[in-house]
């Protein structure tokens, strides 16, 4: 499981680094502020359990984490929960509007 988590963290950092410059900091805040990464870990584990290679499923695992993170950002918005903190840090909308 640690190997999967490391793969996912590296891929997410790489994804943020390659995003348009004006989105990098908000993406880093949203994506790299922690989390258990259960959904992408399960994606990689399922791939290997099915006879595949985790590396081949990494783009899908990143996509799963992106969708999950988007749902958290959306949930935190003022028109929904108006949460100002997630995982002990200010939420994306609290920092970037």
PDB file of N, CA and C in Angstrom:
ATOM      1  N   UNK A   1       0.815  -1.182   0.000  1.00  0.00           N
ATOM      2  CA  UNK A   1       0.000   0.000   0.000  1.00  0.00           C
ATOM      3  C   UNK A   1       0.872   1.265   0.000  1.00  0.00           C
ATOM      4  N   UNK A   2       1.979   1.238   0.692  1.00  0.00           N
ATOM      5  CA  UNK A   2       2.885   2.380   0.728  1.00  0.00           C
ATOM      6  C   UNK A   2       3.449   2.661  -0.669  1.00  0.00           C
ATOM      7  N   UNK A   3       3.729   1.608  -1.405  1.00  0.00           N
ATOM      8  CA  UNK A   3       4.233   1.769  -2.778  1.00  0.00           C
ATOM      9  C   UNK A   3       3.195   2.477  -3.635  1.00  0.00           C
ATOM     10  N   UNK A   4       1.933   2.088  -3.497  1.00  0.00           N
ATOM     11  CA  UNK A   4       0.866   2.738  -4.245  1.00  0.00           C
ATOM     12  C   UNK A   4       0.761   4.213  -3.861  1.00  0.00           C
ATOM     13  N   UNK A   5       0.792   4.486  -2.563  1.00  0.00           N
ATOM     14  CA  UNK A   5       0.674   5.870  -2.091  1.00  0.00           C
ATOM     15  C   UNK A   5       1.813   6.725  -2.656  1.00  0.00           C
ATOM     16  N   UNK A   6       3.031   6.185  -2.635  1.00  0.00           N
ATOM     17  CA  UNK A   6       4.179   6.918  -3.179  1.00  0.00           C
ATOM     18  C   UNK A   6       3.997   7.196  -4.672  1.00  0.00           C
ATOM     19  N   UNK A   7       3.534   6.198  -5.405  1.00  0.00           N
ATOM     20  CA  UNK A   7       3.300   6.374  -6.837  1.00  0.00           C
ATOM     21  C   UNK A   7       2.284   7.479  -7.086  1.00  0.00           C
ATOM     22  N   UNK A   8       1.229   7.478  -6.303  1.00  0.00           N
ATOM     23  CA  UNK A   8       0.152   8.454  -6.467  1.00  0.00           C
ATOM     24  C   UNK A   8       0.639   9.850  -6.119  1.00  0.00           C
ATOM     25  N   UNK A   9       1.369   9.989  -5.012  1.00  0.00           N
ATOM     26  CA  UNK A   9       1.859  11.311  -4.611  1.00  0.00           C
ATOM     27  C   UNK A   9       2.787  11.905  -5.673  1.00  0.00           C
ATOM     28  N   UNK A  10       3.677  11.087  -6.204  1.00  0.00           N
ATOM     29  CA  UNK A  10       4.585  11.553  -7.251  1.00  0.00           C
ATOM     30  C   UNK A  10       3.799  11.977  -8.490  1.00  0.00           C
ATOM     31  N   UNK A  11       2.819  11.175  -8.870  1.00  0.00           N
ATOM     32  CA  UNK A  11       2.014  11.486 -10.053  1.00  0.00           C
ATOM     33  C   UNK A  11       1.205  12.761  -9.846  1.00  0.00           C
ATOM     34  N   UNK A  12       0.655  12.966  -8.656  1.00  0.00           N
ATOM     35  CA  UNK A  12      -0.119  14.180  -8.388  1.00  0.00           C
ATOM     36  C   UNK A  12       0.772  15.417  -8.396  1.00  0.00           C
ATOM     37  N   UNK A  13       1.970  15.305  -7.832  1.00  0.00           N
ATOM     38  CA  UNK A  13       2.910  16.428  -7.871  1.00  0.00           C
ATOM     39  C   UNK A  13       3.272  16.764  -9.309  1.00  0.00           C
ATOM     40  N   UNK A  14       3.536  15.743 -10.101  1.00  0.00           N
ATOM     41  CA  UNK A  14       3.866  15.937 -11.509  1.00  0.00           C
ATOM     42  C   UNK A  14       2.690  16.596 -12.240  1.00  0.00           C
ATOM     43  N   UNK A  15       1.480  16.149 -11.924  1.00  0.00           N
ATOM     44  CA  UNK A  15       0.285  16.708 -12.555  1.00  0.00           C
ATOM     45  C   UNK A  15       0.175  18.194 -12.237  1.00  0.00           C
ATOM     46  N   UNK A  16       0.404  18.573 -10.970  1.00  0.00           N
ATOM     47  CA  UNK A  16       0.345  19.986 -10.569  1.00  0.00           C
ATOM     48  C   UNK A  16       1.424  20.807 -11.275  1.00  0.00           C
ATOM     49  N   UNK A  17       2.619  20.258 -11.355  1.00  0.00           N
ATOM     50  CA  UNK A  17       3.729  20.977 -11.992  1.00  0.00           C
ATOM     51  C   UNK A  17       3.454  21.261 -13.461  1.00  0.00           C
ATOM     52  N   UNK A  18       2.674  20.423 -14.103  1.00  0.00           N
ATOM     53  CA  UNK A  18       2.397  20.574 -15.528  1.00  0.00           C
ATOM     54  C   UNK A  18       1.092  21.302 -15.819  1.00  0.00           C
ATOM     55  N   UNK A  19       0.416  21.761 -14.783  1.00  0.00           N
ATOM     56  CA  UNK A  19      -0.822  22.520 -14.962  1.00  0.00           C
ATOM     57  C   UNK A  19      -0.481  23.942 -15.398  1.00  0.00           C
ATOM     58  N   UNK A  20      -1.437  24.643 -15.978  1.00  0.00           N
ATOM     59  CA  UNK A  20      -1.196  26.057 -16.307  1.00  0.00           C
ATOM     60  C   UNK A  20      -0.755  26.817 -15.057  1.00  0.00           C
ATOM     61  N   UNK A  21       0.140  27.761 -15.262  1.00  0.00           N
ATOM     62  CA  UNK A  21       0.771  28.443 -14.130  1.00  0.00           C
ATOM     63  C   UNK A  21      -0.230  29.059 -13.161  1.00  0.00           C
ATOM     64  N   UNK A  22      -1.297  29.651 -13.668  1.00  0.00           N
ATOM     65  CA  UNK A  22      -2.264  30.310 -12.794  1.00  0.00           C
ATOM     66  C   UNK A  22      -3.071  29.323 -11.945  1.00  0.00           C
ATOM     67  N   UNK A  23      -3.002  28.042 -12.258  1.00  0.00           N
ATOM     68  CA  UNK A  23      -3.731  27.025 -11.488  1.00  0.00           C
ATOM     69  C   UNK A  23      -2.835  26.226 -10.548  1.00  0.00           C
ATOM     70  N   UNK A  24      -1.539  26.358 -10.651  1.00  0.00           N
ATOM     71  CA  UNK A  24      -0.625  25.507  -9.888  1.00  0.00           C
ATOM     72  C   UNK A  24      -0.824  25.608  -8.386  1.00  0.00           C
ATOM     73  N   UNK A  25      -0.817  26.809  -7.844  1.00  0.00           N
ATOM     74  CA  UNK A  25      -0.933  26.964  -6.388  1.00  0.00           C
ATOM     75  C   UNK A  25      -2.283  26.469  -5.865  1.00  0.00           C
ATOM     76  N   UNK A  26      -3.408  26.841  -6.505  1.00  0.00           N
ATOM     77  CA  UNK A  26      -4.682  26.284  -6.025  1.00  0.00           C
ATOM     78  C   UNK A  26      -4.740  24.764  -6.117  1.00  0.00           C
ATOM     79  N   UNK A  27      -4.177  24.200  -7.189  1.00  0.00           N
ATOM     80  CA  UNK A  27      -4.158  22.742  -7.328  1.00  0.00           C
ATOM     81  C   UNK A  27      -3.292  22.089  -6.261  1.00  0.00           C
ATOM     82  N   UNK A  28      -2.142  22.682  -5.998  1.00  0.00           N
ATOM     83  CA  UNK A  28      -1.270  22.131  -4.957  1.00  0.00           C
ATOM     84  C   UNK A  28      -1.962  22.149  -3.600  1.00  0.00           C
ATOM     85  N   UNK A  29      -2.663  23.250  -3.303  1.00  0.00           N
ATOM     86  CA  UNK A  29      -3.390  23.323  -2.042  1.00  0.00           C
ATOM     87  C   UNK A  29      -4.457  22.237  -1.969  1.00  0.00           C
ATOM     88  N   UNK A  30      -5.218  22.097  -3.032  1.00  0.00           N
ATOM     89  CA  UNK A  30      -6.313  21.133  -3.036  1.00  0.00           C
ATOM     90  C   UNK A  30      -5.839  19.683  -3.086  1.00  0.00           C
ATOM     91  N   UNK A  31      -4.819  19.411  -3.891  1.00  0.00           N
ATOM     92  CA  UNK A  31      -4.405  18.025  -4.132  1.00  0.00           C
ATOM     93  C   UNK A  31      -3.310  17.514  -3.195  1.00  0.00           C
ATOM     94  N   UNK A  32      -2.459  18.400  -2.723  1.00  0.00           N
ATOM     95  CA  UNK A  32      -1.274  17.932  -2.002  1.00  0.00           C
ATOM     96  C   UNK A  32      -1.325  18.251  -0.510  1.00  0.00           C
ATOM     97  N   UNK A  33      -2.515  18.523   0.011  1.00  0.00           N
ATOM     98  CA  UNK A  33      -2.656  18.864   1.428  1.00  0.00           C
ATOM     99  C   UNK A  33      -2.973  17.661   2.307  1.00  0.00           C
ATOM    100  N   UNK A  34      -2.703  16.493   1.826  1.00  0.00           N
ATOM    101  CA  UNK A  34      -2.929  15.300   2.636  1.00  0.00           C
ATOM    102  C   UNK A  34      -4.092  14.476   2.122  1.00  0.00           C
ATOM    103  N   UNK A  35      -4.474  13.535   2.923  1.00  0.00           N
ATOM    104  CA  UNK A  35      -5.533  12.605   2.545  1.00  0.00           C
ATOM    105  C   UNK A  35      -4.999  11.191   2.511  1.00  0.00           C
ATOM    106  N   UNK A  36      -5.891  10.258   2.662  1.00  0.00           N
ATOM    107  CA  UNK A  36      -5.485   8.850   2.729  1.00  0.00           C
ATOM    108  C   UNK A  36      -5.262   8.216   1.362  1.00  0.00           C
ATOM    109  N   UNK A  37      -5.818   8.816   0.322  1.00  0.00           N
ATOM    110  CA  UNK A  37      -5.662   8.315  -1.054  1.00  0.00           C
ATOM    111  C   UNK A  37      -6.271   6.921  -1.232  1.00  0.00           C
ATOM    112  N   UNK A  38      -7.313   6.634  -0.465  1.00  0.00           N
ATOM    113  CA  UNK A  38      -7.933   5.308  -0.520  1.00  0.00           C
ATOM    114  C   UNK A  38      -8.438   4.977  -1.923  1.00  0.00           C
ATOM    115  N   UNK A  39      -9.123   5.901  -2.560  1.00  0.00           N
ATOM    116  CA  UNK A  39      -9.712   5.623  -3.875  1.00  0.00           C
ATOM    117  C   UNK A  39      -8.651   5.311  -4.931  1.00  0.00           C
ATOM    118  N   UNK A  40      -7.602   6.125  -5.063  1.00  0.00           N
ATOM    119  CA  UNK A  40      -6.595   5.763  -6.067  1.00  0.00           C
ATOM    120  C   UNK A  40      -5.793   4.517  -5.677  1.00  0.00           C
ATOM    121  N   UNK A  41      -5.580   4.313  -4.382  1.00  0.00           N
ATOM    122  CA  UNK A  41      -4.892   3.082  -3.954  1.00  0.00           C
ATOM    123  C   UNK A  41      -5.706   1.859  -4.352  1.00  0.00           C
ATOM    124  N   UNK A  42      -7.016   1.918  -4.134  1.00  0.00           N
ATOM    125  CA  UNK A  42      -7.877   0.800  -4.538  1.00  0.00           C
ATOM    126  C   UNK A  42      -7.851   0.594  -6.044  1.00  0.00           C
ATOM    127  N   UNK A  43      -7.741   1.680  -6.795  1.00  0.00           N
ATOM    128  CA  UNK A  43      -7.658   1.581  -8.254  1.00  0.00           C
ATOM    129  C   UNK A  43      -6.411   0.796  -8.668  1.00  0.00           C
ATOM    130  N   UNK A  44      -5.273   1.135  -8.069  1.00  0.00           N
ATOM    131  CA  UNK A  44      -4.027   0.426  -8.397  1.00  0.00           C
ATOM    132  C   UNK A  44      -4.058  -1.014  -7.917  1.00  0.00           C
ATOM    133  N   UNK A  45      -4.587  -1.228  -6.717  1.00  0.00           N
ATOM    134  CA  UNK A  45      -4.653  -2.583  -6.165  1.00  0.00           C
ATOM    135  C   UNK A  45      -5.562  -3.467  -7.019  1.00  0.00           C
ATOM    136  N   UNK A  46      -6.688  -2.921  -7.447  1.00  0.00           N
ATOM    137  CA  UNK A  46      -7.607  -3.691  -8.282  1.00  0.00           C
ATOM    138  C   UNK A  46      -6.948  -4.065  -9.604  1.00  0.00           C
ATOM    139  N   UNK A  47      -6.198  -3.153 -10.167  1.00  0.00           N
ATOM    140  CA  UNK A  47      -5.501  -3.440 -11.418  1.00  0.00           C
ATOM    141  C   UNK A  47      -4.547  -4.616 -11.244  1.00  0.00           C
ATOM    142  N   UNK A  48      -3.740  -4.572 -10.175  1.00  0.00           N
ATOM    143  CA  UNK A  48      -2.790  -5.672  -9.950  1.00  0.00           C
ATOM    144  C   UNK A  48      -3.506  -6.968  -9.594  1.00  0.00           C
ATOM    145  N   UNK A  49      -4.578  -6.868  -8.832  1.00  0.00           N
ATOM    146  CA  UNK A  49      -5.334  -8.075  -8.476  1.00  0.00           C
ATOM    147  C   UNK A  49      -5.960  -8.721  -9.708  1.00  0.00           C
ATOM    148  N   UNK A  50      -6.179  -7.922 -10.738  1.00  0.00           N
ATOM    149  CA  UNK A  50      -6.764  -8.429 -11.983  1.00  0.00           C
ATOM    150  C   UNK A  50      -5.710  -8.876 -12.984  1.00  0.00           C
ATOM    151  N   UNK A  51      -4.443  -8.860 -12.551  1.00  0.00           N
ATOM    152  CA  UNK A  51      -3.369  -9.339 -13.416  1.00  0.00           C
ATOM    153  C   UNK A  51      -2.637  -8.252 -14.174  1.00  0.00           C
ATOM    154  N   UNK A  52      -3.005  -6.996 -13.936  1.00  0.00           N
ATOM    155  CA  UNK A  52      -2.354  -5.892 -14.626  1.00  0.00           C
ATOM    156  C   UNK A  52      -1.198  -5.319 -13.828  1.00  0.00           C
ATOM    157  N   UNK A  53      -0.634  -4.244 -14.339  1.00  0.00           N
ATOM    158  CA  UNK A  53       0.461  -3.544 -13.662  1.00  0.00           C
ATOM    159  C   UNK A  53      -0.083  -2.231 -13.100  1.00  0.00           C
ATOM    160  N   UNK A  54       0.247  -1.946 -11.856  1.00  0.00           N
ATOM    161  CA  UNK A  54      -0.225  -0.718 -11.213  1.00  0.00           C
ATOM    162  C   UNK A  54       0.194   0.506 -12.011  1.00  0.00           C
ATOM    163  N   UNK A  55       1.373   0.480 -12.591  1.00  0.00           N
ATOM    164  CA  UNK A  55       1.868   1.619 -13.362  1.00  0.00           C
ATOM    165  C   UNK A  55       0.937   1.955 -14.529  1.00  0.00           C
ATOM    166  N   UNK A  56       0.340   0.927 -15.105  1.00  0.00           N
ATOM    167  CA  UNK A  56      -0.562   1.152 -16.233  1.00  0.00           C
ATOM    168  C   UNK A  56      -1.874   1.798 -15.794  1.00  0.00           C
ATOM    169  N   UNK A  57      -2.251   1.607 -14.545  1.00  0.00           N
ATOM    170  CA  UNK A  57      -3.498   2.171 -14.026  1.00  0.00           C
ATOM    171  C   UNK A  57      -3.291   3.518 -13.353  1.00  0.00           C
ATOM    172  N   UNK A  58      -2.058   3.993 -13.292  1.00  0.00           N
ATOM    173  CA  UNK A  58      -1.773   5.243 -12.588  1.00  0.00           C
ATOM    174  C   UNK A  58      -2.557   6.442 -13.145  1.00  0.00           C
ATOM    175  N   UNK A  59      -2.677   6.612 -14.465  1.00  0.00           N
ATOM    176  CA  UNK A  59      -3.496   7.730 -14.945  1.00  0.00           C
ATOM    177  C   UNK A  59      -4.949   7.650 -14.452  1.00  0.00           C
ATOM    178  N   UNK A  60      -5.497   6.462 -14.389  1.00  0.00           N
ATOM    179  CA  UNK A  60      -6.865   6.302 -13.890  1.00  0.00           C
ATOM    180  C   UNK A  60      -6.929   6.613 -12.397  1.00  0.00           C
ATOM    181  N   UNK A  61      -5.923   6.181 -11.637  1.00  0.00           N
ATOM    182  CA  UNK A  61      -5.887   6.462 -10.204  1.00  0.00           C
ATOM    183  C   UNK A  61      -5.813   7.960  -9.945  1.00  0.00           C
ATOM    184  N   UNK A  62      -5.019   8.668 -10.736  1.00  0.00           N
ATOM    185  CA  UNK A  62      -4.934  10.133 -10.610  1.00  0.00           C
ATOM    186  C   UNK A  62      -6.285  10.749 -10.952  1.00  0.00           C
ATOM    187  N   UNK A  63      -6.929  10.270 -11.990  1.00  0.00           N
ATOM    188  CA  UNK A  63      -8.246  10.797 -12.371  1.00  0.00           C
ATOM    189  C   UNK A  63      -9.264  10.584 -11.252  1.00  0.00           C
ATOM    190  N   UNK A  64      -9.215   9.435 -10.617  1.00  0.00           N
ATOM    191  CA  UNK A  64     -10.119   9.154  -9.499  1.00  0.00           C
ATOM    192  C   UNK A  64      -9.875  10.150  -8.371  1.00  0.00           C
ATOM    193  N   UNK A  65      -8.622  10.427  -8.061  1.00  0.00           N
ATOM    194  CA  UNK A  65      -8.299  11.381  -6.998  1.00  0.00           C
ATOM    195  C   UNK A  65      -8.699  12.799  -7.391  1.00  0.00           C
ATOM    196  N   UNK A  66      -8.550  13.159  -8.653  1.00  0.00           N
ATOM    197  CA  UNK A  66      -8.960  14.484  -9.117  1.00  0.00           C
ATOM    198  C   UNK A  66     -10.469  14.674  -8.963  1.00  0.00           C
ATOM    199  N   UNK A  67     -11.236  13.666  -9.331  1.00  0.00           N
ATOM    200  CA  UNK A  67     -12.693  13.760  -9.196  1.00  0.00           C
ATOM    201  C   UNK A  67     -13.082  13.856  -7.723  1.00  0.00           C
ATOM    202  N   UNK A  68     -12.453  13.050  -6.889  1.00  0.00           N
ATOM    203  CA  UNK A  68     -12.753  13.098  -5.458  1.00  0.00           C
ATOM    204  C   UNK A  68     -12.412  14.475  -4.883  1.00  0.00           C
ATOM    205  N   UNK A  69     -11.242  15.002  -5.227  1.00  0.00           N
ATOM    206  CA  UNK A  69     -10.837  16.311  -4.724  1.00  0.00           C
ATOM    207  C   UNK A  69     -11.787  17.395  -5.213  1.00  0.00           C
ATOM    208  N   UNK A  70     -12.222  17.303  -6.460  1.00  0.00           N
ATOM    209  CA  UNK A  70     -13.200  18.262  -6.974  1.00  0.00           C
ATOM    210  C   UNK A  70     -14.470  18.218  -6.142  1.00  0.00           C
ATOM    211  N   UNK A  71     -14.897  17.033  -5.741  1.00  0.00           N
ATOM    212  CA  UNK A  71     -16.120  16.944  -4.940  1.00  0.00           C
ATOM    213  C   UNK A  71     -15.933  17.597  -3.568  1.00  0.00           C
ATOM    214  N   UNK A  72     -14.725  17.517  -3.015  1.00  0.00           N
ATOM    215  CA  UNK A  72     -14.452  18.165  -1.730  1.00  0.00           C
ATOM    216  C   UNK A  72     -14.430  19.688  -1.885  1.00  0.00           C
ATOM    217  N   UNK A  73     -13.799  20.174  -2.951  1.00  0.00           N
ATOM    218  CA  UNK A  73     -13.774  21.613  -3.215  1.00  0.00           C
ATOM    219  C   UNK A  73     -15.202  22.134  -3.372  1.00  0.00           C
ATOM    220  N   UNK A  74     -15.986  21.424  -4.141  1.00  0.00           N
ATOM    221  CA  UNK A  74     -17.377  21.815  -4.359  1.00  0.00           C
ATOM    222  C   UNK A  74     -18.156  21.816  -3.052  1.00  0.00           C
ATOM    223  N   UNK A  75     -17.975  20.808  -2.240  1.00  0.00           N
ATOM    224  CA  UNK A  75     -18.681  20.696  -0.963  1.00  0.00           C
ATOM    225  C   UNK A  75     -18.328  21.848  -0.022  1.00  0.00           C
ATOM    226  N   UNK A  76     -17.097  22.340  -0.110  1.00  0.00           N
ATOM    227  CA  UNK A  76     -16.633  23.407   0.783  1.00  0.00           C
ATOM    228  C   UNK A  76     -17.121  24.798   0.379  1.00  0.00           C
ATOM    229  N   UNK A  77     -17.646  24.955  -0.814  1.00  0.00           N
ATOM    230  CA  UNK A  77     -18.029  26.280  -1.317  1.00  0.00           C
ATOM    231  C   UNK A  77     -19.069  26.959  -0.427  1.00  0.00           C
ATOM    232  N   UNK A  78     -19.095  28.293  -0.450  1.00  0.00           N
ATOM    233  CA  UNK A  78     -20.046  29.035   0.388  1.00  0.00           C
ATOM    234  C   UNK A  78     -21.506  28.648   0.160  1.00  0.00           C
ATOM    235  N   UNK A  79     -21.863  28.300  -1.056  1.00  0.00           N
ATOM    236  CA  UNK A  79     -23.266  27.948  -1.330  1.00  0.00           C
ATOM    237  C   UNK A  79     -23.619  26.529  -0.888  1.00  0.00           C
ATOM    238  N   UNK A  80     -22.633  25.759  -0.468  1.00  0.00           N
ATOM    239  CA  UNK A  80     -22.890  24.400   0.013  1.00  0.00           C
ATOM    240  C   UNK A  80     -22.663  24.385   1.530  1.00  0.00           C
ATOM    241  N   UNK A  81     -21.469  24.029   1.985  1.00  0.00           N
ATOM    242  CA  UNK A  81     -21.173  23.952   3.419  1.00  0.00           C
ATOM    243  C   UNK A  81     -20.450  25.178   3.967  1.00  0.00           C
ATOM    244  N   UNK A  82     -19.842  25.949   3.084  1.00  0.00           N
ATOM    245  CA  UNK A  82     -19.054  27.120   3.476  1.00  0.00           C
ATOM    246  C   UNK A  82     -17.971  26.770   4.502  1.00  0.00           C
ATOM    247  N   UNK A  83     -17.335  25.627   4.311  1.00  0.00           N
ATOM    248  CA  UNK A  83     -16.225  25.238   5.183  1.00  0.00           C
ATOM    249  C   UNK A  83     -15.001  26.069   4.840  1.00  0.00           C
ATOM    250  N   UNK A  84     -14.344  26.585   5.864  1.00  0.00           N
ATOM    251  CA  UNK A  84     -13.146  27.387   5.659  1.00  0.00           C
ATOM    252  C   UNK A  84     -11.871  26.599   5.890  1.00  0.00           C
ATOM    253  N   UNK A  85     -12.000  25.405   6.473  1.00  0.00           N
ATOM    254  CA  UNK A  85     -10.835  24.554   6.741  1.00  0.00           C
ATOM    255  C   UNK A  85     -11.127  23.119   6.356  1.00  0.00           C
ATOM    256  N   UNK A  86     -10.112  22.464   5.824  1.00  0.00           N
ATOM    257  CA  UNK A  86     -10.162  21.023   5.539  1.00  0.00           C
ATOM    258  C   UNK A  86      -8.780  20.481   5.860  1.00  0.00           C
ATOM    259  N   UNK A  87      -8.759  19.412   6.641  1.00  0.00           N
ATOM    260  CA  UNK A  87      -7.496  18.793   7.067  1.00  0.00           C
ATOM    261  C   UNK A  87      -6.580  19.798   7.759  1.00  0.00           C
ATOM    262  N   UNK A  88      -7.178  20.726   8.512  1.00  0.00           N
ATOM    263  CA  UNK A  88      -6.406  21.691   9.271  1.00  0.00           C
ATOM    264  C   UNK A  88      -5.839  22.850   8.473  1.00  0.00           C
ATOM    265  N   UNK A  89      -6.178  22.937   7.194  1.00  0.00           N
ATOM    266  CA  UNK A  89      -5.689  24.026   6.345  1.00  0.00           C
ATOM    267  C   UNK A  89      -6.878  24.746   5.728  1.00  0.00           C
ATOM    268  N   UNK A  90      -6.675  26.012   5.364  1.00  0.00           N
ATOM    269  CA  UNK A  90      -7.742  26.755   4.717  1.00  0.00           C
ATOM    270  C   UNK A  90      -8.148  26.067   3.413  1.00  0.00           C
ATOM    271  N   UNK A  91      -9.433  26.110   3.130  1.00  0.00           N
ATOM    272  CA  UNK A  91      -9.949  25.508   1.898  1.00  0.00           C
ATOM    273  C   UNK A  91      -9.546  26.355   0.695  1.00  0.00           C
ATOM    274  N   UNK A  92      -9.690  25.764  -0.464  1.00  0.00           N
ATOM    275  CA  UNK A  92      -9.288  26.436  -1.700  1.00  0.00           C
ATOM    276  C   UNK A  92     -10.038  27.750  -1.889  1.00  0.00           C
ATOM    277  N   UNK A  93     -11.345  27.746  -1.669  1.00  0.00           N
ATOM    278  CA  UNK A  93     -12.102  28.980  -1.871  1.00  0.00           C
ATOM    279  C   UNK A  93     -11.774  30.018  -0.808  1.00  0.00           C
ATOM    280  N   UNK A  94     -11.394  29.584   0.403  1.00  0.00           N
ATOM    281  CA  UNK A  94     -11.020  30.532   1.462  1.00  0.00           C
ATOM    282  C   UNK A  94      -9.717  31.260   1.112  1.00  0.00           C
ATOM    283  N   UNK A  95      -8.835  30.572   0.417  1.00  0.00           N
ATOM    284  CA  UNK A  95      -7.553  31.166   0.047  1.00  0.00           C
ATOM    285  C   UNK A  95      -7.631  31.921  -1.276  1.00  0.00           C
ATOM    286  N   UNK A  96      -8.286  31.323  -2.263  1.00  0.00           N
ATOM    287  CA  UNK A  96      -8.249  31.866  -3.629  1.00  0.00           C
ATOM    288  C   UNK A  96      -9.565  32.483  -4.107  1.00  0.00           C
ATOM    289  N   UNK A  97     -10.588  32.426  -3.291  1.00  0.00           N
ATOM    290  CA  UNK A  97     -11.865  33.013  -3.670  1.00  0.00           C
ATOM    291  C   UNK A  97     -12.691  32.120  -4.549  1.00  0.00           C
TER     292      UNK A  97
END
